[in-house]
Amino acid sequence: MKSDLWRFTSCTHDCFVEQIGWPELVETVVGIYHSLPAEDKRQAGILAGNYGEAGAISLFGPAYSLPKAIGGVNSYWLRGYDDPPPQVLIVLDWHRSGVFERCVAAGHVTNAYGVRNEETNSLAIPLCWGLRQPWLDFWENLKSFR
């Protein structure tokens, strides 16, 4: 019965299913962010791989004093990144190897309903340090309008 309801809502409005798990995603990011040492926390950012994750962080993140979401998708790319740019990144659903000097698995994405969506496509949330190229170049290559 539950799966039929999710399939129906997904066919009716695909954005609804993408919002399932936003609170859990943000709670996981909050745990990662607040576990950082003070120096890393001051230099931290949240890199979102899609606008759903960026939207979740933008909507729920301020209540937990999270940094703003940055990302290469649509208007999030146009909003840019902070000055100075973050040196430590919590990375959500973004997979490109060799971009950072070091990444560790810092958390996992789940939702109470077991619904698969863009937010749960990548279950691991890496925490990364040491961007291997200048921010300006990285940002230009990140741009994606879809």
C-alpha atoms as a PDB file:
ATOM      1  CA  MET A   1       0.000   0.000   0.000  1.00  0.00           C
ATOM      2  CA  LYS A   2       2.752   2.493   0.966  1.00  0.00           C
ATOM      3  CA  SER A   3       4.710   1.869  -2.229  1.00  0.00           C
ATOM      4  CA  ASP A   4       1.551   2.381  -4.323  1.00  0.00           C
ATOM      5  CA  LEU A   5       0.987   5.736  -2.651  1.00  0.00           C
ATOM      6  CA  TRP A   6       4.589   6.822  -3.333  1.00  0.00           C
ATOM      7  CA  ARG A   7       4.327   5.723  -6.974  1.00  0.00           C
ATOM      8  CA  PHE A   8       1.060   7.656  -7.377  1.00  0.00           C
ATOM      9  CA  THR A   9       2.419  10.847  -5.820  1.00  0.00           C
ATOM     10  CA  SER A  10       5.608  10.526  -7.840  1.00  0.00           C
ATOM     11  CA  CYS A  11       3.626  10.301 -11.088  1.00  0.00           C
ATOM     12  CA  THR A  12       1.388  13.186 -10.046  1.00  0.00           C
ATOM     13  CA  HIS A  13       4.142  15.554  -8.969  1.00  0.00           C
ATOM     14  CA  ASP A  14       7.737  14.344  -9.036  1.00  0.00           C
ATOM     15  CA  CYS A  15       9.007  17.113  -6.751  1.00  0.00           C
ATOM     16  CA  PHE A  16       6.980  15.763  -3.826  1.00  0.00           C
ATOM     17  CA  VAL A  17       8.997  12.555  -3.585  1.00  0.00           C
ATOM     18  CA  GLU A  18      12.238  14.544  -3.816  1.00  0.00           C
ATOM     19  CA  GLN A  19      11.330  16.390  -0.600  1.00  0.00           C
ATOM     20  CA  ILE A  20      11.000  13.185   1.409  1.00  0.00           C
ATOM     21  CA  GLY A  21      13.929  13.007   3.798  1.00  0.00           C
ATOM     22  CA  TRP A  22      14.879  16.682   3.804  1.00  0.00           C
ATOM     23  CA  PRO A  23      14.688  16.970   7.608  1.00  0.00           C
ATOM     24  CA  GLU A  24      16.771  13.800   8.039  1.00  0.00           C
ATOM     25  CA  LEU A  25      19.324  15.027   5.508  1.00  0.00           C
ATOM     26  CA  VAL A  26      19.677  18.336   7.331  1.00  0.00           C
ATOM     27  CA  GLU A  27      19.898  16.640  10.739  1.00  0.00           C
ATOM     28  CA  THR A  28      22.735  14.471   9.421  1.00  0.00           C
ATOM     29  CA  VAL A  29      24.556  17.513   8.033  1.00  0.00           C
ATOM     30  CA  VAL A  30      24.026  19.326  11.342  1.00  0.00           C
ATOM     31  CA  GLY A  31      25.690  16.441  13.171  1.00  0.00           C
ATOM     32  CA  ILE A  32      28.658  16.492  10.790  1.00  0.00           C
ATOM     33  CA  TYR A  33      29.023  20.268  10.917  1.00  0.00           C
ATOM     34  CA  HIS A  34      28.769  20.551  14.698  1.00  0.00           C
ATOM     35  CA  SER A  35      31.297  17.734  15.177  1.00  0.00           C
ATOM     36  CA  LEU A  36      33.988  19.688  13.308  1.00  0.00           C
ATOM     37  CA  PRO A  37      36.840  21.292  15.213  1.00  0.00           C
ATOM     38  CA  ALA A  38      36.355  25.058  15.612  1.00  0.00           C
ATOM     39  CA  GLU A  39      38.945  25.934  12.939  1.00  0.00           C
ATOM     40  CA  ASP A  40      37.345  23.617  10.359  1.00  0.00           C
ATOM     41  CA  LYS A  41      33.875  24.878  11.260  1.00  0.00           C
ATOM     42  CA  ARG A  42      34.927  28.484  10.537  1.00  0.00           C
ATOM     43  CA  GLN A  43      36.102  27.405   7.074  1.00  0.00           C
ATOM     44  CA  ALA A  44      33.252  24.982   6.268  1.00  0.00           C
ATOM     45  CA  GLY A  45      30.756  25.008   3.450  1.00  0.00           C
ATOM     46  CA  ILE A  46      28.071  22.667   2.157  1.00  0.00           C
ATOM     47  CA  LEU A  47      28.387  21.657  -1.494  1.00  0.00           C
ATOM     48  CA  ALA A  48      25.099  20.309  -2.833  1.00  0.00           C
ATOM     49  CA  GLY A  49      24.984  18.194  -5.976  1.00  0.00           C
ATOM     50  CA  ASN A  50      21.365  19.012  -6.778  1.00  0.00           C
ATOM     51  CA  TYR A  51      18.835  21.732  -6.083  1.00  0.00           C
ATOM     52  CA  GLY A  52      16.779  19.492  -3.772  1.00  0.00           C
ATOM     53  CA  GLU A  53      19.634  19.097  -1.324  1.00  0.00           C
ATOM     54  CA  ALA A  54      20.526  22.760  -1.658  1.00  0.00           C
ATOM     55  CA  GLY A  55      16.865  23.610  -1.033  1.00  0.00           C
ATOM     56  CA  ALA A  56      16.737  21.419   2.079  1.00  0.00           C
ATOM     57  CA  ILE A  57      19.830  23.120   3.509  1.00  0.00           C
ATOM     58  CA  SER A  58      18.493  26.563   2.560  1.00  0.00           C
ATOM     59  CA  LEU A  59      15.102  25.870   4.145  1.00  0.00           C
ATOM     60  CA  PHE A  60      16.068  24.075   7.350  1.00  0.00           C
ATOM     61  CA  GLY A  61      19.763  24.934   7.778  1.00  0.00           C
ATOM     62  CA  PRO A  62      19.498  28.451   9.234  1.00  0.00           C
ATOM     63  CA  ALA A  63      17.701  27.115  12.334  1.00  0.00           C
ATOM     64  CA  TYR A  64      20.853  25.077  13.062  1.00  0.00           C
ATOM     65  CA  SER A  65      23.379  27.793  12.126  1.00  0.00           C
ATOM     66  CA  LEU A  66      24.574  25.837   9.093  1.00  0.00           C
ATOM     67  CA  PRO A  67      26.576  27.577   6.375  1.00  0.00           C
ATOM     68  CA  LYS A  68      24.577  28.354   3.250  1.00  0.00           C
ATOM     69  CA  ALA A  69      24.347  25.687   0.569  1.00  0.00           C
ATOM     70  CA  ILE A  70      26.448  26.200  -2.525  1.00  0.00           C
ATOM     71  CA  GLY A  71      26.255  24.250  -5.743  1.00  0.00           C
ATOM     72  CA  GLY A  72      26.569  24.279  -9.472  1.00  0.00           C
ATOM     73  CA  VAL A  73      22.939  23.671 -10.374  1.00  0.00           C
ATOM     74  CA  ASN A  74      20.708  26.415 -11.754  1.00  0.00           C
ATOM     75  CA  SER A  75      20.436  29.537  -9.595  1.00  0.00           C
ATOM     76  CA  TYR A  76      22.647  28.080  -6.867  1.00  0.00           C
ATOM     77  CA  TRP A  77      25.588  28.451  -9.232  1.00  0.00           C
ATOM     78  CA  LEU A  78      24.636  32.082  -9.846  1.00  0.00           C
ATOM     79  CA  ARG A  79      24.584  32.760  -6.089  1.00  0.00           C
ATOM     80  CA  GLY A  80      28.256  31.839  -5.888  1.00  0.00           C
ATOM     81  CA  TYR A  81      30.293  31.007  -2.830  1.00  0.00           C
ATOM     82  CA  ASP A  82      31.550  32.968   0.158  1.00  0.00           C
ATOM     83  CA  ASP A  83      34.650  35.134   0.230  1.00  0.00           C
ATOM     84  CA  PRO A  84      36.914  33.600   1.321  1.00  0.00           C
ATOM     85  CA  PRO A  85      35.719  30.316  -0.192  1.00  0.00           C
ATOM     86  CA  PRO A  86      35.248  27.322   2.105  1.00  0.00           C
ATOM     87  CA  GLN A  87      38.264  25.115   2.725  1.00  0.00           C
ATOM     88  CA  VAL A  88      36.296  22.259   4.280  1.00  0.00           C
ATOM     89  CA  LEU A  89      33.258  20.923   2.448  1.00  0.00           C
ATOM     90  CA  ILE A  90      30.391  18.685   3.454  1.00  0.00           C
ATOM     91  CA  VAL A  91      29.562  17.178   0.066  1.00  0.00           C
ATOM     92  CA  LEU A  92      26.036  16.068  -0.831  1.00  0.00           C
ATOM     93  CA  ASP A  93      25.383  13.888  -3.883  1.00  0.00           C
ATOM     94  CA  TRP A  94      28.352  15.016  -5.905  1.00  0.00           C
ATOM     95  CA  HIS A  95      30.803  12.493  -7.249  1.00  0.00           C
ATOM     96  CA  ARG A  96      33.995  13.540  -8.936  1.00  0.00           C
ATOM     97  CA  SER A  97      37.199  11.835  -8.010  1.00  0.00           C
ATOM     98  CA  GLY A  98      40.494  13.649  -7.711  1.00  0.00           C
ATOM     99  CA  VAL A  99      38.983  17.057  -6.939  1.00  0.00           C
ATOM    100  CA  PHE A 100      39.965  17.103  -3.268  1.00  0.00           C
ATOM    101  CA  GLU A 101      43.166  16.117  -1.539  1.00  0.00           C
ATOM    102  CA  ARG A 102      41.333  14.226   1.196  1.00  0.00           C
ATOM    103  CA  CYS A 103      37.786  13.035   1.856  1.00  0.00           C
ATOM    104  CA  VAL A 104      36.337  10.851   4.605  1.00  0.00           C
ATOM    105  CA  ALA A 105      32.864   9.363   4.943  1.00  0.00           C
ATOM    106  CA  ALA A 106      31.181  11.496   7.582  1.00  0.00           C
ATOM    107  CA  GLY A 107      27.542  10.443   7.474  1.00  0.00           C
ATOM    108  CA  HIS A 108      24.805   8.599   5.625  1.00  0.00           C
ATOM    109  CA  VAL A 109      21.544   9.774   4.090  1.00  0.00           C
ATOM    110  CA  THR A 110      18.371   8.005   5.162  1.00  0.00           C
ATOM    111  CA  ASN A 111      14.692   8.770   5.431  1.00  0.00           C
ATOM    112  CA  ALA A 112      12.037   7.280   7.657  1.00  0.00           C
ATOM    113  CA  TYR A 113       9.997   5.989   4.719  1.00  0.00           C
ATOM    114  CA  GLY A 114      12.710   4.172   2.785  1.00  0.00           C
ATOM    115  CA  VAL A 115      11.853   6.231  -0.287  1.00  0.00           C
ATOM    116  CA  ARG A 116      14.552   6.317  -2.987  1.00  0.00           C
ATOM    117  CA  ASN A 117      15.002   9.780  -4.443  1.00  0.00           C
ATOM    118  CA  GLU A 118      17.817  12.113  -5.501  1.00  0.00           C
ATOM    119  CA  GLU A 119      18.628  12.835  -1.872  1.00  0.00           C
ATOM    120  CA  THR A 120      19.199   9.133  -1.161  1.00  0.00           C
ATOM    121  CA  ASN A 121      20.999   8.268  -4.421  1.00  0.00           C
ATOM    122  CA  SER A 122      24.296   8.758  -2.645  1.00  0.00           C
ATOM    123  CA  LEU A 123      24.064   7.284   0.804  1.00  0.00           C
ATOM    124  CA  ALA A 124      27.508   8.419   1.986  1.00  0.00           C
ATOM    125  CA  ILE A 125      28.188  12.054   2.825  1.00  0.00           C
ATOM    126  CA  PRO A 126      31.887  12.846   2.449  1.00  0.00           C
ATOM    127  CA  LEU A 127      33.710  15.564   4.320  1.00  0.00           C
ATOM    128  CA  CYS A 128      36.489  16.938   2.118  1.00  0.00           C
ATOM    129  CA  TRP A 129      39.565  19.150   2.448  1.00  0.00           C
ATOM    130  CA  GLY A 130      42.036  20.614  -0.026  1.00  0.00           C
ATOM    131  CA  LEU A 131      40.483  21.616  -3.315  1.00  0.00           C
ATOM    132  CA  ARG A 132      43.099  20.767  -5.940  1.00  0.00           C
ATOM    133  CA  GLN A 133      42.399  23.712  -8.233  1.00  0.00           C
ATOM    134  CA  PRO A 134      41.648  27.406  -7.767  1.00  0.00           C
ATOM    135  CA  TRP A 135      38.097  28.088  -6.607  1.00  0.00           C
ATOM    136  CA  LEU A 136      37.346  30.223  -9.659  1.00  0.00           C
ATOM    137  CA  ASP A 137      38.227  27.330 -12.006  1.00  0.00           C
ATOM    138  CA  PHE A 138      36.373  24.799  -9.870  1.00  0.00           C
ATOM    139  CA  TRP A 139      33.280  27.001  -9.797  1.00  0.00           C
ATOM    140  CA  GLU A 140      33.260  27.584 -13.531  1.00  0.00           C
ATOM    141  CA  ASN A 141      33.473  23.834 -14.188  1.00  0.00           C
ATOM    142  CA  LEU A 142      30.711  23.140 -11.659  1.00  0.00           C
ATOM    143  CA  LYS A 143      28.070  25.119 -13.595  1.00  0.00           C
ATOM    144  CA  SER A 144      25.043  23.057 -14.701  1.00  0.00           C
ATOM    145  CA  PHE A 145      21.738  24.476 -15.870  1.00  0.00           C
ATOM    146  CA  ARG A 146      19.079  21.760 -16.139  1.00  0.00           C
END
